[in-house]
Amino acid sequence: MFDKEKLFDGLNHITPDNAQNEYYLTDVFEYFWQQRWTVSALVAEHEDEIHGINTFDQLEQARGILNARPGGA
């Protein structure tokens, strides 16, 4: 969860300076720390809530997890 204004400010300060030449949302945290803005974490109730989705296979795995929940997706 982000403060919208701070997130967009942070996004203006990240670069794709990495092996994949990609922008990473998580790079805004360094900017937040430099600005001395609050950064905190929450513990997920279940590990299935925090999977990364970077490939089609991971997306399909997430879809399966959601569909297996009571009530489905």
PDB file of N, CA and C in Angstrom:
ATOM      1  N   MET A   1       0.853  -1.154   0.000  1.00  0.00           N
ATOM      2  CA  MET A   1       0.000   0.000   0.000  1.00  0.00           C
ATOM      3  C   MET A   1       0.911   1.232   0.000  1.00  0.00           C
ATOM      4  N   PHE A   2       0.561   2.188  -0.823  1.00  0.00           N
ATOM      5  CA  PHE A   2       1.380   3.390  -0.968  1.00  0.00           C
ATOM      6  C   PHE A   2       0.517   4.635  -0.844  1.00  0.00           C
ATOM      7  N   ASP A   3       1.141   5.713  -0.372  1.00  0.00           N
ATOM      8  CA  ASP A   3       0.580   7.040  -0.521  1.00  0.00           C
ATOM      9  C   ASP A   3       0.760   7.387  -2.001  1.00  0.00           C
ATOM     10  N   LYS A   4      -0.327   7.679  -2.698  1.00  0.00           N
ATOM     11  CA  LYS A   4      -0.300   7.871  -4.149  1.00  0.00           C
ATOM     12  C   LYS A   4       0.722   8.915  -4.594  1.00  0.00           C
ATOM     13  N   GLU A   5       0.731  10.067  -3.961  1.00  0.00           N
ATOM     14  CA  GLU A   5       1.650  11.129  -4.377  1.00  0.00           C
ATOM     15  C   GLU A   5       3.102  10.709  -4.188  1.00  0.00           C
ATOM     16  N   LYS A   6       3.391  10.063  -3.060  1.00  0.00           N
ATOM     17  CA  LYS A   6       4.764   9.629  -2.794  1.00  0.00           C
ATOM     18  C   LYS A   6       5.183   8.518  -3.755  1.00  0.00           C
ATOM     19  N   LEU A   7       4.264   7.615  -4.072  1.00  0.00           N
ATOM     20  CA  LEU A   7       4.588   6.547  -5.015  1.00  0.00           C
ATOM     21  C   LEU A   7       4.958   7.131  -6.367  1.00  0.00           C
ATOM     22  N   PHE A   8       4.139   8.038  -6.893  1.00  0.00           N
ATOM     23  CA  PHE A   8       4.435   8.611  -8.202  1.00  0.00           C
ATOM     24  C   PHE A   8       5.717   9.431  -8.168  1.00  0.00           C
ATOM     25  N   ASP A   9       5.990  10.095  -7.062  1.00  0.00           N
ATOM     26  CA  ASP A   9       7.260  10.798  -6.914  1.00  0.00           C
ATOM     27  C   ASP A   9       8.410   9.792  -6.974  1.00  0.00           C
ATOM     28  N   GLY A  10       8.275   8.703  -6.232  1.00  0.00           N
ATOM     29  CA  GLY A  10       9.316   7.682  -6.228  1.00  0.00           C
ATOM     30  C   GLY A  10       9.517   7.047  -7.589  1.00  0.00           C
ATOM     31  N   LEU A  11       8.431   6.798  -8.320  1.00  0.00           N
ATOM     32  CA  LEU A  11       8.536   6.189  -9.648  1.00  0.00           C
ATOM     33  C   LEU A  11       9.312   7.071 -10.612  1.00  0.00           C
ATOM     34  N   ASN A  12       9.255   8.381 -10.400  1.00  0.00           N
ATOM     35  CA  ASN A  12      10.024   9.296 -11.246  1.00  0.00           C
ATOM     36  C   ASN A  12      11.519   9.216 -10.984  1.00  0.00           C
ATOM     37  N   HIS A  13      11.926   8.518  -9.930  1.00  0.00           N
ATOM     38  CA  HIS A  13      13.337   8.457  -9.557  1.00  0.00           C
ATOM     39  C   HIS A  13      13.952   7.069  -9.722  1.00  0.00           C
ATOM     40  N   ILE A  14      13.240   6.126 -10.289  1.00  0.00           N
ATOM     41  CA  ILE A  14      13.832   4.816 -10.511  1.00  0.00           C
ATOM     42  C   ILE A  14      14.275   4.690 -11.965  1.00  0.00           C
ATOM     43  N   THR A  15      15.235   3.827 -12.195  1.00  0.00           N
ATOM     44  CA  THR A  15      15.780   3.632 -13.538  1.00  0.00           C
ATOM     45  C   THR A  15      15.862   2.138 -13.839  1.00  0.00           C
ATOM     46  N   PRO A  16      15.960   1.786 -15.116  1.00  0.00           N
ATOM     47  CA  PRO A  16      16.107   0.373 -15.482  1.00  0.00           C
ATOM     48  C   PRO A  16      17.580  -0.040 -15.513  1.00  0.00           C
ATOM     49  N   ASP A  17      18.343   0.423 -14.536  1.00  0.00           N
ATOM     50  CA  ASP A  17      19.782   0.164 -14.487  1.00  0.00           C
ATOM     51  C   ASP A  17      20.040  -1.188 -13.824  1.00  0.00           C
ATOM     52  N   ASN A  18      19.744  -2.267 -14.560  1.00  0.00           N
ATOM     53  CA  ASN A  18      19.955  -3.628 -14.068  1.00  0.00           C
ATOM     54  C   ASN A  18      20.150  -4.550 -15.260  1.00  0.00           C
ATOM     55  N   ALA A  19      20.501  -5.800 -15.013  1.00  0.00           N
ATOM     56  CA  ALA A  19      20.815  -6.744 -16.090  1.00  0.00           C
ATOM     57  C   ALA A  19      19.652  -6.948 -17.055  1.00  0.00           C
ATOM     58  N   GLN A  20      18.421  -6.850 -16.556  1.00  0.00           N
ATOM     59  CA  GLN A  20      17.255  -7.070 -17.402  1.00  0.00           C
ATOM     60  C   GLN A  20      16.779  -5.784 -18.085  1.00  0.00           C
ATOM     61  N   ASN A  21      17.392  -4.652 -17.733  1.00  0.00           N
ATOM     62  CA  ASN A  21      16.994  -3.346 -18.258  1.00  0.00           C
ATOM     63  C   ASN A  21      15.504  -3.097 -18.034  1.00  0.00           C
ATOM     64  N   GLU A  22      15.044  -3.440 -16.811  1.00  0.00           N
ATOM     65  CA  GLU A  22      13.636  -3.299 -16.448  1.00  0.00           C
ATOM     66  C   GLU A  22      13.483  -2.361 -15.256  1.00  0.00           C
ATOM     67  N   TYR A  23      12.303  -1.779 -15.147  1.00  0.00           N
ATOM     68  CA  TYR A  23      11.958  -0.986 -13.976  1.00  0.00           C
ATOM     69  C   TYR A  23      11.388  -1.926 -12.920  1.00  0.00           C
ATOM     70  N   TYR A  24      11.804  -1.747 -11.673  1.00  0.00           N
ATOM     71  CA  TYR A  24      11.297  -2.561 -10.575  1.00  0.00           C
ATOM     72  C   TYR A  24      10.593  -1.669  -9.565  1.00  0.00           C
ATOM     73  N   LEU A  25       9.332  -1.977  -9.302  1.00  0.00           N
ATOM     74  CA  LEU A  25       8.567  -1.202  -8.327  1.00  0.00           C
ATOM     75  C   LEU A  25       9.286  -1.158  -6.979  1.00  0.00           C
ATOM     76  N   THR A  26       9.925  -2.259  -6.616  1.00  0.00           N
ATOM     77  CA  THR A  26      10.595  -2.305  -5.310  1.00  0.00           C
ATOM     78  C   THR A  26      11.746  -1.306  -5.199  1.00  0.00           C
ATOM     79  N   ASP A  27      12.232  -0.783  -6.321  1.00  0.00           N
ATOM     80  CA  ASP A  27      13.302   0.219  -6.263  1.00  0.00           C
ATOM     81  C   ASP A  27      12.840   1.530  -5.632  1.00  0.00           C
ATOM     82  N   VAL A  28      11.531   1.764  -5.554  1.00  0.00           N
ATOM     83  CA  VAL A  28      11.066   3.006  -4.916  1.00  0.00           C
ATOM     84  C   VAL A  28      11.399   3.020  -3.432  1.00  0.00           C
ATOM     85  N   PHE A  29      11.581   1.852  -2.822  1.00  0.00           N
ATOM     86  CA  PHE A  29      11.876   1.831  -1.389  1.00  0.00           C
ATOM     87  C   PHE A  29      13.173   2.559  -1.066  1.00  0.00           C
ATOM     88  N   GLU A  30      14.186   2.400  -1.893  1.00  0.00           N
ATOM     89  CA  GLU A  30      15.437   3.116  -1.644  1.00  0.00           C
ATOM     90  C   GLU A  30      15.193   4.622  -1.660  1.00  0.00           C
ATOM     91  N   TYR A  31      14.418   5.082  -2.617  1.00  0.00           N
ATOM     92  CA  TYR A  31      14.082   6.505  -2.673  1.00  0.00           C
ATOM     93  C   TYR A  31      13.310   6.927  -1.429  1.00  0.00           C
ATOM     94  N   PHE A  32      12.346   6.112  -1.003  1.00  0.00           N
ATOM     95  CA  PHE A  32      11.584   6.414   0.211  1.00  0.00           C
ATOM     96  C   PHE A  32      12.523   6.548   1.411  1.00  0.00           C
ATOM     97  N   TRP A  33      13.469   5.625   1.533  1.00  0.00           N
ATOM     98  CA  TRP A  33      14.407   5.678   2.663  1.00  0.00           C
ATOM     99  C   TRP A  33      15.253   6.951   2.593  1.00  0.00           C
ATOM    100  N   GLN A  34      15.692   7.321   1.387  1.00  0.00           N
ATOM    101  CA  GLN A  34      16.479   8.545   1.232  1.00  0.00           C
ATOM    102  C   GLN A  34      15.678   9.773   1.651  1.00  0.00           C
ATOM    103  N   GLN A  35      14.381   9.740   1.413  1.00  0.00           N
ATOM    104  CA  GLN A  35      13.520  10.859   1.791  1.00  0.00           C
ATOM    105  C   GLN A  35      13.091  10.784   3.259  1.00  0.00           C
ATOM    106  N   ARG A  36      13.486   9.700   3.928  1.00  0.00           N
ATOM    107  CA  ARG A  36      13.108   9.438   5.316  1.00  0.00           C
ATOM    108  C   ARG A  36      11.592   9.289   5.478  1.00  0.00           C
ATOM    109  N   TRP A  37      10.970   8.703   4.440  1.00  0.00           N
ATOM    110  CA  TRP A  37       9.547   8.396   4.490  1.00  0.00           C
ATOM    111  C   TRP A  37       9.367   7.019   5.122  1.00  0.00           C
ATOM    112  N   THR A  38       8.253   6.803   5.750  1.00  0.00           N
ATOM    113  CA  THR A  38       7.991   5.538   6.433  1.00  0.00           C
ATOM    114  C   THR A  38       7.861   4.393   5.443  1.00  0.00           C
ATOM    115  N   VAL A  39       8.602   3.329   5.736  1.00  0.00           N
ATOM    116  CA  VAL A  39       8.499   2.079   4.986  1.00  0.00           C
ATOM    117  C   VAL A  39       8.305   0.988   6.028  1.00  0.00           C
ATOM    118  N   SER A  40       7.261   0.204   5.873  1.00  0.00           N
ATOM    119  CA  SER A  40       7.013  -0.868   6.840  1.00  0.00           C
ATOM    120  C   SER A  40       6.488  -2.085   6.101  1.00  0.00           C
ATOM    121  N   ALA A  41       6.375  -3.171   6.820  1.00  0.00           N
ATOM    122  CA  ALA A  41       5.936  -4.434   6.223  1.00  0.00           C
ATOM    123  C   ALA A  41       4.855  -5.067   7.087  1.00  0.00           C
ATOM    124  N   LEU A  42       4.080  -5.898   6.461  1.00  0.00           N
ATOM    125  CA  LEU A  42       3.064  -6.684   7.151  1.00  0.00           C
ATOM    126  C   LEU A  42       3.358  -8.159   6.919  1.00  0.00           C
ATOM    127  N   VAL A  43       3.000  -8.976   7.868  1.00  0.00           N
ATOM    128  CA  VAL A  43       3.176 -10.415   7.716  1.00  0.00           C
ATOM    129  C   VAL A  43       1.939 -10.966   7.014  1.00  0.00           C
ATOM    130  N   ALA A  44       2.145 -11.683   5.920  1.00  0.00           N
ATOM    131  CA  ALA A  44       1.032 -12.290   5.198  1.00  0.00           C
ATOM    132  C   ALA A  44       0.481 -13.457   6.011  1.00  0.00           C
ATOM    133  N   GLU A  45      -0.826 -13.629   5.949  1.00  0.00           N
ATOM    134  CA  GLU A  45      -1.440 -14.739   6.667  1.00  0.00           C
ATOM    135  C   GLU A  45      -1.067 -16.079   6.053  1.00  0.00           C
ATOM    136  N   HIS A  46      -0.814 -16.095   4.739  1.00  0.00           N
ATOM    137  CA  HIS A  46      -0.454 -17.341   4.067  1.00  0.00           C
ATOM    138  C   HIS A  46       0.509 -17.021   2.928  1.00  0.00           C
ATOM    139  N   GLU A  47       1.480 -17.893   2.703  1.00  0.00           N
ATOM    140  CA  GLU A  47       2.502 -17.639   1.687  1.00  0.00           C
ATOM    141  C   GLU A  47       1.917 -17.483   0.287  1.00  0.00           C
ATOM    142  N   ASP A  48       0.752 -18.065   0.031  1.00  0.00           N
ATOM    143  CA  ASP A  48       0.133 -17.924  -1.286  1.00  0.00           C
ATOM    144  C   ASP A  48      -0.272 -16.490  -1.595  1.00  0.00           C
ATOM    145  N   GLU A  49      -0.310 -15.625  -0.599  1.00  0.00           N
ATOM    146  CA  GLU A  49      -0.712 -14.235  -0.804  1.00  0.00           C
ATOM    147  C   GLU A  49       0.416 -13.361  -1.335  1.00  0.00           C
ATOM    148  N   ILE A  50       1.648 -13.887  -1.377  1.00  0.00           N
ATOM    149  CA  ILE A  50       2.778 -13.024  -1.723  1.00  0.00           C
ATOM    150  C   ILE A  50       3.641 -13.568  -2.859  1.00  0.00           C
ATOM    151  N   HIS A  51       3.113 -14.482  -3.652  1.00  0.00           N
ATOM    152  CA  HIS A  51       3.869 -14.991  -4.801  1.00  0.00           C
ATOM    153  C   HIS A  51       4.125 -13.874  -5.812  1.00  0.00           C
ATOM    154  N   GLY A  52       5.313 -13.901  -6.405  1.00  0.00           N
ATOM    155  CA  GLY A  52       5.579 -13.010  -7.521  1.00  0.00           C
ATOM    156  C   GLY A  52       4.996 -13.613  -8.786  1.00  0.00           C
ATOM    157  N   ILE A  53       4.578 -12.759  -9.695  1.00  0.00           N
ATOM    158  CA  ILE A  53       4.058 -13.233 -10.979  1.00  0.00           C
ATOM    159  C   ILE A  53       4.831 -12.519 -12.071  1.00  0.00           C
ATOM    160  N   ASN A  54       5.767 -13.265 -12.675  1.00  0.00           N
ATOM    161  CA  ASN A  54       6.613 -12.705 -13.725  1.00  0.00           C
ATOM    162  C   ASN A  54       6.535 -13.487 -15.026  1.00  0.00           C
ATOM    163  N   THR A  55       5.903 -14.645 -15.013  1.00  0.00           N
ATOM    164  CA  THR A  55       5.801 -15.465 -16.214  1.00  0.00           C
ATOM    165  C   THR A  55       4.363 -15.954 -16.374  1.00  0.00           C
ATOM    166  N   PHE A  56       4.046 -16.456 -17.561  1.00  0.00           N
ATOM    167  CA  PHE A  56       2.719 -17.008 -17.800  1.00  0.00           C
ATOM    168  C   PHE A  56       2.460 -18.184 -16.863  1.00  0.00           C
ATOM    169  N   ASP A  57       3.472 -19.029 -16.658  1.00  0.00           N
ATOM    170  CA  ASP A  57       3.299 -20.179 -15.760  1.00  0.00           C
ATOM    171  C   ASP A  57       2.978 -19.727 -14.329  1.00  0.00           C
ATOM    172  N   GLN A  58       3.644 -18.685 -13.847  1.00  0.00           N
ATOM    173  CA  GLN A  58       3.361 -18.167 -12.505  1.00  0.00           C
ATOM    174  C   GLN A  58       1.962 -17.564 -12.440  1.00  0.00           C
ATOM    175  N   LEU A  59       1.517 -16.939 -13.531  1.00  0.00           N
ATOM    176  CA  LEU A  59       0.164 -16.403 -13.577  1.00  0.00           C
ATOM    177  C   LEU A  59      -0.858 -17.538 -13.498  1.00  0.00           C
ATOM    178  N   GLU A  60      -0.606 -18.601 -14.205  1.00  0.00           N
ATOM    179  CA  GLU A  60      -1.510 -19.752 -14.161  1.00  0.00           C
ATOM    180  C   GLU A  60      -1.523 -20.392 -12.777  1.00  0.00           C
ATOM    181  N   GLN A  61      -0.359 -20.449 -12.125  1.00  0.00           N
ATOM    182  CA  GLN A  61      -0.298 -20.986 -10.766  1.00  0.00           C
ATOM    183  C   GLN A  61      -1.134 -20.110  -9.829  1.00  0.00           C
ATOM    184  N   ALA A  62      -1.032 -18.797  -9.965  1.00  0.00           N
ATOM    185  CA  ALA A  62      -1.817 -17.887  -9.124  1.00  0.00           C
ATOM    186  C   ALA A  62      -3.312 -18.066  -9.395  1.00  0.00           C
ATOM    187  N   ARG A  63      -3.663 -18.242 -10.659  1.00  0.00           N
ATOM    188  CA  ARG A  63      -5.063 -18.462 -10.998  1.00  0.00           C
ATOM    189  C   ARG A  63      -5.586 -19.729 -10.327  1.00  0.00           C
ATOM    190  N   GLY A  64      -4.775 -20.794 -10.327  1.00  0.00           N
ATOM    191  CA  GLY A  64      -5.152 -22.036  -9.663  1.00  0.00           C
ATOM    192  C   GLY A  64      -5.347 -21.855  -8.168  1.00  0.00           C
ATOM    193  N   ILE A  65      -4.472 -21.083  -7.543  1.00  0.00           N
ATOM    194  CA  ILE A  65      -4.587 -20.816  -6.097  1.00  0.00           C
ATOM    195  C   ILE A  65      -5.883 -20.068  -5.811  1.00  0.00           C
ATOM    196  N   LEU A  66      -6.184 -19.042  -6.615  1.00  0.00           N
ATOM    197  CA  LEU A  66      -7.413 -18.275  -6.411  1.00  0.00           C
ATOM    198  C   LEU A  66      -8.651 -19.131  -6.633  1.00  0.00           C
ATOM    199  N   ASN A  67      -8.630 -19.952  -7.667  1.00  0.00           N
ATOM    200  CA  ASN A  67      -9.779 -20.805  -7.955  1.00  0.00           C
ATOM    201  C   ASN A  67      -9.999 -21.862  -6.887  1.00  0.00           C
ATOM    202  N   ALA A  68      -8.925 -22.258  -6.184  1.00  0.00           N
ATOM    203  CA  ALA A  68      -9.042 -23.287  -5.141  1.00  0.00           C
ATOM    204  C   ALA A  68      -9.590 -22.722  -3.830  1.00  0.00           C
ATOM    205  N   ARG A  69      -9.614 -21.410  -3.699  1.00  0.00           N
ATOM    206  CA  ARG A  69     -10.139 -20.802  -2.470  1.00  0.00           C
ATOM    207  C   ARG A  69     -11.647 -20.974  -2.397  1.00  0.00           C
ATOM    208  N   PRO A  70     -12.170 -20.989  -1.188  1.00  0.00           N
ATOM    209  CA  PRO A  70     -13.632 -21.063  -1.045  1.00  0.00           C
ATOM    210  C   PRO A  70     -14.280 -19.914  -1.831  1.00  0.00           C
ATOM    211  N   GLY A  71     -15.236 -20.226  -2.653  1.00  0.00           N
ATOM    212  CA  GLY A  71     -15.893 -19.211  -3.454  1.00  0.00           C
ATOM    213  C   GLY A  71     -15.235 -18.985  -4.800  1.00  0.00           C
ATOM    214  N   GLY A  72     -14.035 -19.546  -5.006  1.00  0.00           N
ATOM    215  CA  GLY A  72     -13.332 -19.398  -6.290  1.00  0.00           C
ATOM    216  C   GLY A  72     -12.945 -17.970  -6.583  1.00  0.00           C
ATOM    217  N   ALA A  73     -12.497 -17.773  -7.797  1.00  0.00           N
ATOM    218  CA  ALA A  73     -12.030 -16.438  -8.204  1.00  0.00           C
ATOM    219  C   ALA A  73     -13.150 -15.587  -8.738  1.00  0.00           C
TER     220      ALA A  73
END
